[in-house]
Amino acid sequence: MKIIDEFKEFIAKGNAMDMAVGVVVGGAFTAIVNSLVDDIINPFIAFLGGLISKGSAAVSGTDVMKEAASIEEMVIPGTTIAIGSFIGAVINFLLISFVIFCVVKGINTMKDKMAKKEEPVEEAPAGPTQEELLAQIRDLLEKQNK
């Protein structure tokens, strides 16, 4: 049982919880960054690169768009910008962050309650009152003067 108690103490420490929260939230944020790059930035760059490669050296990308007879001629394969995927990654991040917040809040509440139970109520030491001490000092002074 000693190992289990030590494990509970390790888990309850703030450092282990902070590290776990950082790993989980960092992983969720990585999904946002990956989605931004893969679904929005890279397709946009590929689209611009495709427009430029379709034209000659003397023709700009806007001229290529003007010369295209339909939108299908302007579409470059693999350049679909997936806004929905990016929004989904952001929503997943917010949900994961909220769940982690609730877990940490619950753990902190539990720690506070356990800390309050462990603190013993300190009783005032039994001893003479101020008046009794002053009376004793008075008596000692009377003895010394006699």
N, C-alpha and C. Protein backbone atom coordinates (compact mmCIF):
# COMPACT_ATOMS: atom_id res chain seq x y z
N MET A 1 0.81 -1.20 0.00
CA MET A 1 0.00 0.00 0.00
C MET A 1 0.85 1.26 0.00
N LYS A 2 2.11 1.14 0.38
CA LYS A 2 2.97 2.30 0.43
C LYS A 2 3.17 2.88 -0.98
N ILE A 3 3.31 2.03 -1.97
CA ILE A 3 3.52 2.49 -3.34
C ILE A 3 2.29 3.25 -3.83
N ILE A 4 1.11 2.75 -3.51
CA ILE A 4 -0.12 3.41 -3.94
C ILE A 4 -0.23 4.79 -3.29
N ASP A 5 0.11 4.89 -2.01
CA ASP A 5 0.07 6.19 -1.34
C ASP A 5 1.07 7.17 -1.95
N GLU A 6 2.27 6.66 -2.27
CA GLU A 6 3.27 7.52 -2.91
C GLU A 6 2.80 7.96 -4.29
N PHE A 7 2.16 7.06 -5.02
CA PHE A 7 1.64 7.41 -6.35
C PHE A 7 0.56 8.48 -6.24
N LYS A 8 -0.35 8.34 -5.27
CA LYS A 8 -1.40 9.34 -5.06
C LYS A 8 -0.78 10.70 -4.75
N GLU A 9 0.25 10.71 -3.92
CA GLU A 9 0.92 11.96 -3.56
C GLU A 9 1.58 12.60 -4.78
N PHE A 10 2.21 11.76 -5.63
CA PHE A 10 2.87 12.25 -6.85
C PHE A 10 1.85 12.87 -7.80
N ILE A 11 0.72 12.19 -7.99
CA ILE A 11 -0.31 12.68 -8.90
C ILE A 11 -0.92 13.97 -8.36
N ALA A 12 -1.08 14.06 -7.06
CA ALA A 12 -1.72 15.23 -6.46
C ALA A 12 -0.83 16.46 -6.49
N LYS A 13 0.48 16.28 -6.66
CA LYS A 13 1.37 17.44 -6.70
C LYS A 13 1.05 18.30 -7.90
N GLY A 14 1.27 19.58 -7.75
CA GLY A 14 0.96 20.52 -8.83
C GLY A 14 1.82 20.32 -10.06
N ASN A 15 3.08 19.91 -9.89
CA ASN A 15 3.97 19.78 -11.04
C ASN A 15 3.48 18.72 -12.01
N ALA A 16 3.03 17.58 -11.51
CA ALA A 16 2.56 16.51 -12.40
C ALA A 16 1.30 16.94 -13.13
N MET A 17 0.40 17.61 -12.44
CA MET A 17 -0.84 18.06 -13.08
C MET A 17 -0.56 19.15 -14.12
N ASP A 18 0.34 20.07 -13.80
CA ASP A 18 0.68 21.13 -14.75
C ASP A 18 1.29 20.55 -16.02
N MET A 19 2.15 19.55 -15.84
CA MET A 19 2.78 18.93 -16.99
C MET A 19 1.75 18.19 -17.85
N ALA A 20 0.83 17.49 -17.22
CA ALA A 20 -0.21 16.76 -17.96
C ALA A 20 -1.11 17.73 -18.72
N VAL A 21 -1.49 18.81 -18.08
CA VAL A 21 -2.33 19.82 -18.74
C VAL A 21 -1.58 20.42 -19.93
N GLY A 22 -0.32 20.71 -19.76
CA GLY A 22 0.47 21.27 -20.85
C GLY A 22 0.57 20.34 -22.05
N VAL A 23 0.74 19.06 -21.79
CA VAL A 23 0.84 18.08 -22.88
C VAL A 23 -0.48 17.98 -23.63
N VAL A 24 -1.59 17.89 -22.91
CA VAL A 24 -2.90 17.73 -23.55
C VAL A 24 -3.28 18.98 -24.34
N VAL A 25 -3.14 20.15 -23.73
CA VAL A 25 -3.50 21.39 -24.41
C VAL A 25 -2.53 21.66 -25.57
N GLY A 26 -1.27 21.34 -25.38
CA GLY A 26 -0.30 21.50 -26.47
C GLY A 26 -0.64 20.61 -27.66
N GLY A 27 -1.06 19.38 -27.41
CA GLY A 27 -1.47 18.49 -28.49
C GLY A 27 -2.68 19.02 -29.22
N ALA A 28 -3.63 19.56 -28.49
CA ALA A 28 -4.83 20.11 -29.11
C ALA A 28 -4.48 21.36 -29.93
N PHE A 29 -3.58 22.17 -29.43
CA PHE A 29 -3.19 23.38 -30.17
C PHE A 29 -2.38 23.01 -31.42
N THR A 30 -1.60 21.93 -31.34
CA THR A 30 -0.87 21.45 -32.51
C THR A 30 -1.83 21.11 -33.63
N ALA A 31 -2.98 20.55 -33.30
CA ALA A 31 -3.99 20.23 -34.32
C ALA A 31 -4.48 21.50 -35.02
N ILE A 32 -4.62 22.59 -34.28
CA ILE A 32 -5.04 23.86 -34.89
C ILE A 32 -3.97 24.35 -35.86
N VAL A 33 -2.72 24.34 -35.44
CA VAL A 33 -1.64 24.82 -36.29
C VAL A 33 -1.52 23.95 -37.54
N ASN A 34 -1.59 22.63 -37.37
CA ASN A 34 -1.50 21.73 -38.53
C ASN A 34 -2.66 21.98 -39.50
N SER A 35 -3.85 22.16 -38.99
CA SER A 35 -5.00 22.42 -39.85
C SER A 35 -4.85 23.75 -40.57
N LEU A 36 -4.37 24.76 -39.89
CA LEU A 36 -4.16 26.06 -40.52
C LEU A 36 -3.18 25.94 -41.69
N VAL A 37 -2.09 25.25 -41.46
CA VAL A 37 -1.07 25.12 -42.50
C VAL A 37 -1.56 24.21 -43.63
N ASP A 38 -2.08 23.02 -43.28
CA ASP A 38 -2.47 22.04 -44.30
C ASP A 38 -3.73 22.42 -45.05
N ASP A 39 -4.70 23.02 -44.37
CA ASP A 39 -6.00 23.25 -44.98
C ASP A 39 -6.19 24.66 -45.54
N ILE A 40 -5.39 25.62 -45.10
CA ILE A 40 -5.60 27.00 -45.55
C ILE A 40 -4.36 27.57 -46.25
N ILE A 41 -3.22 27.55 -45.58
CA ILE A 41 -2.04 28.21 -46.13
C ILE A 41 -1.46 27.45 -47.33
N ASN A 42 -1.23 26.14 -47.19
CA ASN A 42 -0.65 25.38 -48.30
C ASN A 42 -1.54 25.39 -49.55
N PRO A 43 -2.85 25.17 -49.47
CA PRO A 43 -3.66 25.25 -50.68
C PRO A 43 -3.63 26.64 -51.33
N PHE A 44 -3.59 27.68 -50.50
CA PHE A 44 -3.52 29.03 -51.05
C PHE A 44 -2.22 29.25 -51.81
N ILE A 45 -1.11 28.79 -51.22
CA ILE A 45 0.19 28.92 -51.89
C ILE A 45 0.21 28.09 -53.17
N ALA A 46 -0.35 26.88 -53.12
CA ALA A 46 -0.41 26.04 -54.33
C ALA A 46 -1.26 26.69 -55.40
N PHE A 47 -2.36 27.32 -55.02
CA PHE A 47 -3.22 28.01 -55.98
C PHE A 47 -2.46 29.15 -56.65
N LEU A 48 -1.78 29.95 -55.83
CA LEU A 48 -1.00 31.05 -56.40
C LEU A 48 0.11 30.53 -57.30
N GLY A 49 0.77 29.49 -56.87
CA GLY A 49 1.84 28.90 -57.68
C GLY A 49 1.30 28.34 -58.99
N GLY A 50 0.13 27.73 -58.96
CA GLY A 50 -0.47 27.20 -60.17
C GLY A 50 -0.88 28.29 -61.13
N LEU A 51 -1.39 29.39 -60.61
CA LEU A 51 -1.76 30.51 -61.47
C LEU A 51 -0.55 31.09 -62.18
N ILE A 52 0.51 31.20 -61.45
CA ILE A 52 1.72 31.78 -62.02
C ILE A 52 2.32 30.84 -63.06
N SER A 53 2.30 29.52 -62.78
CA SER A 53 2.88 28.58 -63.74
C SER A 53 2.03 28.43 -64.99
N LYS A 54 0.74 28.70 -64.93
CA LYS A 54 -0.11 28.63 -66.13
C LYS A 54 0.19 29.75 -67.10
N GLY A 55 0.60 30.89 -66.58
CA GLY A 55 0.88 32.03 -67.45
C GLY A 55 2.32 32.00 -67.93
N SER A 56 2.60 32.76 -68.94
CA SER A 56 3.97 32.88 -69.43
C SER A 56 4.69 33.92 -68.59
N ALA A 57 5.92 34.18 -68.92
CA ALA A 57 6.71 35.15 -68.17
C ALA A 57 6.12 36.54 -68.29
N ALA A 58 5.45 36.83 -69.38
CA ALA A 58 4.91 38.17 -69.59
C ALA A 58 3.49 38.30 -69.08
N VAL A 59 2.86 37.19 -68.71
CA VAL A 59 1.45 37.22 -68.29
C VAL A 59 1.39 37.05 -66.78
N SER A 60 0.65 37.89 -66.11
CA SER A 60 0.53 37.80 -64.66
C SER A 60 -0.60 36.86 -64.28
N GLY A 61 -0.72 36.57 -63.00
CA GLY A 61 -1.78 35.69 -62.51
C GLY A 61 -3.16 36.25 -62.76
N THR A 62 -3.33 37.55 -62.67
CA THR A 62 -4.66 38.13 -62.90
C THR A 62 -5.06 38.00 -64.36
N ASP A 63 -4.09 38.06 -65.27
CA ASP A 63 -4.40 37.87 -66.69
C ASP A 63 -4.85 36.44 -66.95
N VAL A 64 -4.28 35.48 -66.25
CA VAL A 64 -4.68 34.08 -66.42
C VAL A 64 -6.13 33.93 -65.98
N MET A 65 -6.51 34.58 -64.88
CA MET A 65 -7.89 34.48 -64.41
C MET A 65 -8.85 35.13 -65.41
N LYS A 66 -8.44 36.22 -66.05
CA LYS A 66 -9.29 36.87 -67.03
C LYS A 66 -9.46 36.01 -68.28
N GLU A 67 -8.40 35.30 -68.65
CA GLU A 67 -8.43 34.49 -69.86
C GLU A 67 -9.18 33.18 -69.68
N ALA A 68 -9.37 32.73 -68.42
CA ALA A 68 -10.04 31.44 -68.19
C ALA A 68 -11.51 31.56 -68.58
N ALA A 69 -11.99 30.57 -69.30
CA ALA A 69 -13.38 30.59 -69.76
C ALA A 69 -14.33 30.23 -68.62
N SER A 70 -13.92 29.43 -67.71
CA SER A 70 -14.78 29.04 -66.59
C SER A 70 -13.93 28.89 -65.34
N ILE A 71 -14.63 28.75 -64.21
CA ILE A 71 -13.94 28.59 -62.94
C ILE A 71 -13.18 27.26 -62.89
N GLU A 72 -13.66 26.25 -63.62
CA GLU A 72 -13.00 24.95 -63.62
C GLU A 72 -11.60 25.04 -64.21
N GLU A 73 -11.40 25.94 -65.17
CA GLU A 73 -10.09 26.11 -65.76
C GLU A 73 -9.12 26.77 -64.79
N MET A 74 -9.66 27.54 -63.84
CA MET A 74 -8.80 28.21 -62.86
C MET A 74 -8.43 27.30 -61.69
N VAL A 75 -9.24 26.28 -61.45
CA VAL A 75 -9.00 25.42 -60.29
C VAL A 75 -7.77 24.56 -60.53
N ILE A 76 -6.92 24.55 -59.58
CA ILE A 76 -5.71 23.74 -59.65
C ILE A 76 -5.92 22.56 -58.71
N PRO A 77 -5.68 21.33 -59.17
CA PRO A 77 -5.92 20.15 -58.32
C PRO A 77 -5.14 20.25 -57.00
N GLY A 78 -5.80 19.87 -55.90
CA GLY A 78 -5.16 19.86 -54.58
C GLY A 78 -5.13 21.21 -53.91
N THR A 79 -5.89 22.17 -54.41
CA THR A 79 -5.86 23.50 -53.80
C THR A 79 -7.18 23.86 -53.13
N THR A 80 -7.87 22.90 -52.59
CA THR A 80 -9.12 23.18 -51.91
C THR A 80 -8.82 23.72 -50.52
N ILE A 81 -9.33 24.89 -50.24
CA ILE A 81 -9.14 25.48 -48.91
C ILE A 81 -10.26 24.95 -48.02
N ALA A 82 -9.88 24.22 -46.98
CA ALA A 82 -10.85 23.54 -46.12
C ALA A 82 -11.05 24.35 -44.84
N ILE A 83 -11.89 25.37 -44.93
CA ILE A 83 -12.18 26.21 -43.76
C ILE A 83 -12.89 25.39 -42.68
N GLY A 84 -13.79 24.50 -43.10
CA GLY A 84 -14.53 23.69 -42.14
C GLY A 84 -13.63 22.82 -41.29
N SER A 85 -12.60 22.27 -41.89
CA SER A 85 -11.65 21.45 -41.13
C SER A 85 -10.92 22.30 -40.09
N PHE A 86 -10.56 23.51 -40.47
CA PHE A 86 -9.88 24.41 -39.54
C PHE A 86 -10.81 24.80 -38.39
N ILE A 87 -12.06 25.13 -38.72
CA ILE A 87 -13.03 25.49 -37.67
C ILE A 87 -13.26 24.30 -36.74
N GLY A 88 -13.30 23.10 -37.31
CA GLY A 88 -13.45 21.90 -36.48
C GLY A 88 -12.28 21.72 -35.52
N ALA A 89 -11.06 22.01 -35.97
CA ALA A 89 -9.89 21.91 -35.10
C ALA A 89 -9.97 22.93 -33.97
N VAL A 90 -10.45 24.14 -34.28
CA VAL A 90 -10.58 25.18 -33.25
C VAL A 90 -11.64 24.76 -32.22
N ILE A 91 -12.76 24.21 -32.69
CA ILE A 91 -13.82 23.77 -31.77
C ILE A 91 -13.31 22.62 -30.90
N ASN A 92 -12.58 21.68 -31.48
CA ASN A 92 -12.00 20.59 -30.69
C ASN A 92 -11.07 21.13 -29.62
N PHE A 93 -10.25 22.12 -29.98
CA PHE A 93 -9.34 22.72 -29.00
C PHE A 93 -10.11 23.36 -27.85
N LEU A 94 -11.17 24.09 -28.19
CA LEU A 94 -11.95 24.74 -27.13
C LEU A 94 -12.63 23.72 -26.23
N LEU A 95 -13.15 22.64 -26.81
CA LEU A 95 -13.78 21.60 -25.99
C LEU A 95 -12.76 20.91 -25.08
N ILE A 96 -11.62 20.55 -25.63
CA ILE A 96 -10.58 19.90 -24.82
C ILE A 96 -10.11 20.83 -23.72
N SER A 97 -9.92 22.10 -24.03
CA SER A 97 -9.48 23.06 -23.02
C SER A 97 -10.51 23.21 -21.91
N PHE A 98 -11.80 23.22 -22.27
CA PHE A 98 -12.84 23.35 -21.26
C PHE A 98 -12.88 22.12 -20.35
N VAL A 99 -12.75 20.94 -20.93
CA VAL A 99 -12.76 19.71 -20.13
C VAL A 99 -11.55 19.70 -19.19
N ILE A 100 -10.39 20.07 -19.68
CA ILE A 100 -9.20 20.12 -18.83
C ILE A 100 -9.38 21.14 -17.71
N PHE A 101 -9.98 22.28 -18.03
CA PHE A 101 -10.26 23.29 -17.01
C PHE A 101 -11.14 22.71 -15.91
N CYS A 102 -12.21 22.00 -16.30
CA CYS A 102 -13.12 21.41 -15.31
C CYS A 102 -12.40 20.37 -14.44
N VAL A 103 -11.54 19.56 -15.06
CA VAL A 103 -10.80 18.54 -14.30
C VAL A 103 -9.86 19.22 -13.30
N VAL A 104 -9.12 20.21 -13.75
CA VAL A 104 -8.18 20.90 -12.85
C VAL A 104 -8.93 21.61 -11.74
N LYS A 105 -10.06 22.24 -12.06
CA LYS A 105 -10.86 22.91 -11.04
C LYS A 105 -11.34 21.90 -9.99
N GLY A 106 -11.79 20.73 -10.43
CA GLY A 106 -12.23 19.69 -9.50
C GLY A 106 -11.09 19.19 -8.63
N ILE A 107 -9.92 19.01 -9.21
CA ILE A 107 -8.77 18.55 -8.44
C ILE A 107 -8.36 19.60 -7.41
N ASN A 108 -8.36 20.86 -7.81
CA ASN A 108 -8.00 21.93 -6.86
C ASN A 108 -9.01 22.03 -5.72
N THR A 109 -10.30 21.85 -6.03
CA THR A 109 -11.32 21.87 -4.99
C THR A 109 -11.11 20.71 -4.02
N MET A 110 -10.80 19.53 -4.58
CA MET A 110 -10.56 18.36 -3.73
C MET A 110 -9.33 18.59 -2.85
N LYS A 111 -8.27 19.18 -3.41
CA LYS A 111 -7.07 19.46 -2.61
C LYS A 111 -7.38 20.41 -1.46
N ASP A 112 -8.18 21.46 -1.76
CA ASP A 112 -8.54 22.42 -0.71
C ASP A 112 -9.32 21.77 0.41
N LYS A 113 -10.28 20.90 0.06
CA LYS A 113 -11.07 20.23 1.08
C LYS A 113 -10.22 19.28 1.90
N MET A 114 -9.30 18.57 1.25
CA MET A 114 -8.44 17.63 1.98
C MET A 114 -7.48 18.39 2.88
N ALA A 115 -6.99 19.54 2.43
CA ALA A 115 -6.07 20.32 3.24
C ALA A 115 -6.76 20.86 4.49
N LYS A 116 -8.04 21.24 4.36
CA LYS A 116 -8.77 21.75 5.50
C LYS A 116 -9.04 20.66 6.52
N LYS A 117 -9.28 19.43 6.07
CA LYS A 117 -9.53 18.33 6.99
C LYS A 117 -8.27 17.94 7.75
N GLU A 118 -7.12 18.04 7.11
CA GLU A 118 -5.87 17.62 7.74
C GLU A 118 -5.38 18.59 8.79
N GLU A 119 -5.75 19.85 8.71
CA GLU A 119 -5.28 20.84 9.67
C GLU A 119 -5.97 20.64 11.01
N PRO A 120 -5.22 20.28 12.04
CA PRO A 120 -5.85 20.13 13.35
C PRO A 120 -6.16 21.50 13.95
N VAL A 121 -7.20 21.54 14.71
CA VAL A 121 -7.58 22.78 15.37
C VAL A 121 -6.65 22.97 16.56
N GLU A 122 -5.93 24.07 16.55
CA GLU A 122 -4.98 24.32 17.61
C GLU A 122 -5.71 24.94 18.80
N GLU A 123 -5.53 24.31 19.95
CA GLU A 123 -6.14 24.84 21.17
C GLU A 123 -5.13 25.75 21.85
N ALA A 124 -5.65 26.76 22.50
CA ALA A 124 -4.78 27.67 23.24
C ALA A 124 -4.17 26.91 24.41
N PRO A 125 -2.88 27.09 24.61
CA PRO A 125 -2.24 26.37 25.72
C PRO A 125 -2.84 26.81 27.06
N ALA A 126 -3.10 25.81 27.88
CA ALA A 126 -3.66 26.11 29.20
C ALA A 126 -2.56 26.71 30.06
N GLY A 127 -2.82 27.85 30.60
CA GLY A 127 -1.82 28.50 31.43
C GLY A 127 -2.48 29.63 32.20
N PRO A 128 -1.70 30.28 33.00
CA PRO A 128 -2.27 31.37 33.79
C PRO A 128 -2.67 32.55 32.91
N THR A 129 -3.69 33.25 33.34
CA THR A 129 -4.14 34.44 32.61
C THR A 129 -3.23 35.60 32.97
N GLN A 130 -3.44 36.71 32.31
CA GLN A 130 -2.62 37.90 32.57
C GLN A 130 -2.78 38.38 34.01
N GLU A 131 -4.00 38.33 34.46
CA GLU A 131 -4.25 38.80 35.83
C GLU A 131 -3.53 37.92 36.85
N GLU A 132 -3.54 36.60 36.60
CA GLU A 132 -2.86 35.69 37.52
C GLU A 132 -1.36 35.92 37.51
N LEU A 133 -0.79 36.17 36.32
CA LEU A 133 0.65 36.44 36.25
C LEU A 133 1.00 37.74 36.98
N LEU A 134 0.17 38.76 36.78
CA LEU A 134 0.43 40.02 37.48
C LEU A 134 0.32 39.85 39.00
N ALA A 135 -0.63 39.04 39.42
CA ALA A 135 -0.76 38.80 40.87
C ALA A 135 0.47 38.08 41.40
N GLN A 136 0.99 37.12 40.63
CA GLN A 136 2.19 36.40 41.08
C GLN A 136 3.38 37.35 41.15
N ILE A 137 3.51 38.24 40.18
CA ILE A 137 4.62 39.20 40.20
C ILE A 137 4.48 40.12 41.41
N ARG A 138 3.27 40.56 41.70
CA ARG A 138 3.05 41.42 42.85
C ARG A 138 3.46 40.71 44.14
N ASP A 139 3.06 39.45 44.26
CA ASP A 139 3.40 38.69 45.46
C ASP A 139 4.92 38.52 45.59
N LEU A 140 5.60 38.26 44.47
CA LEU A 140 7.07 38.10 44.51
C LEU A 140 7.74 39.40 44.91
N LEU A 141 7.24 40.51 44.42
CA LEU A 141 7.82 41.80 44.78
C LEU A 141 7.59 42.12 46.26
N GLU A 142 6.43 41.76 46.79
CA GLU A 142 6.15 41.97 48.19
C GLU A 142 7.09 41.15 49.06
N LYS A 143 7.38 39.92 48.62
CA LYS A 143 8.31 39.06 49.39
C LYS A 143 9.71 39.64 49.38
N GLN A 144 10.14 40.20 48.23
CA GLN A 144 11.48 40.76 48.13
C GLN A 144 11.61 42.03 48.96
N ASN A 145 10.54 42.79 49.10
CA ASN A 145 10.60 44.04 49.86
C ASN A 145 10.55 43.77 51.36
N LYS A 146 10.11 42.66 51.81
CA LYS A 146 10.00 42.38 53.24
C LYS A 146 11.25 41.84 53.83
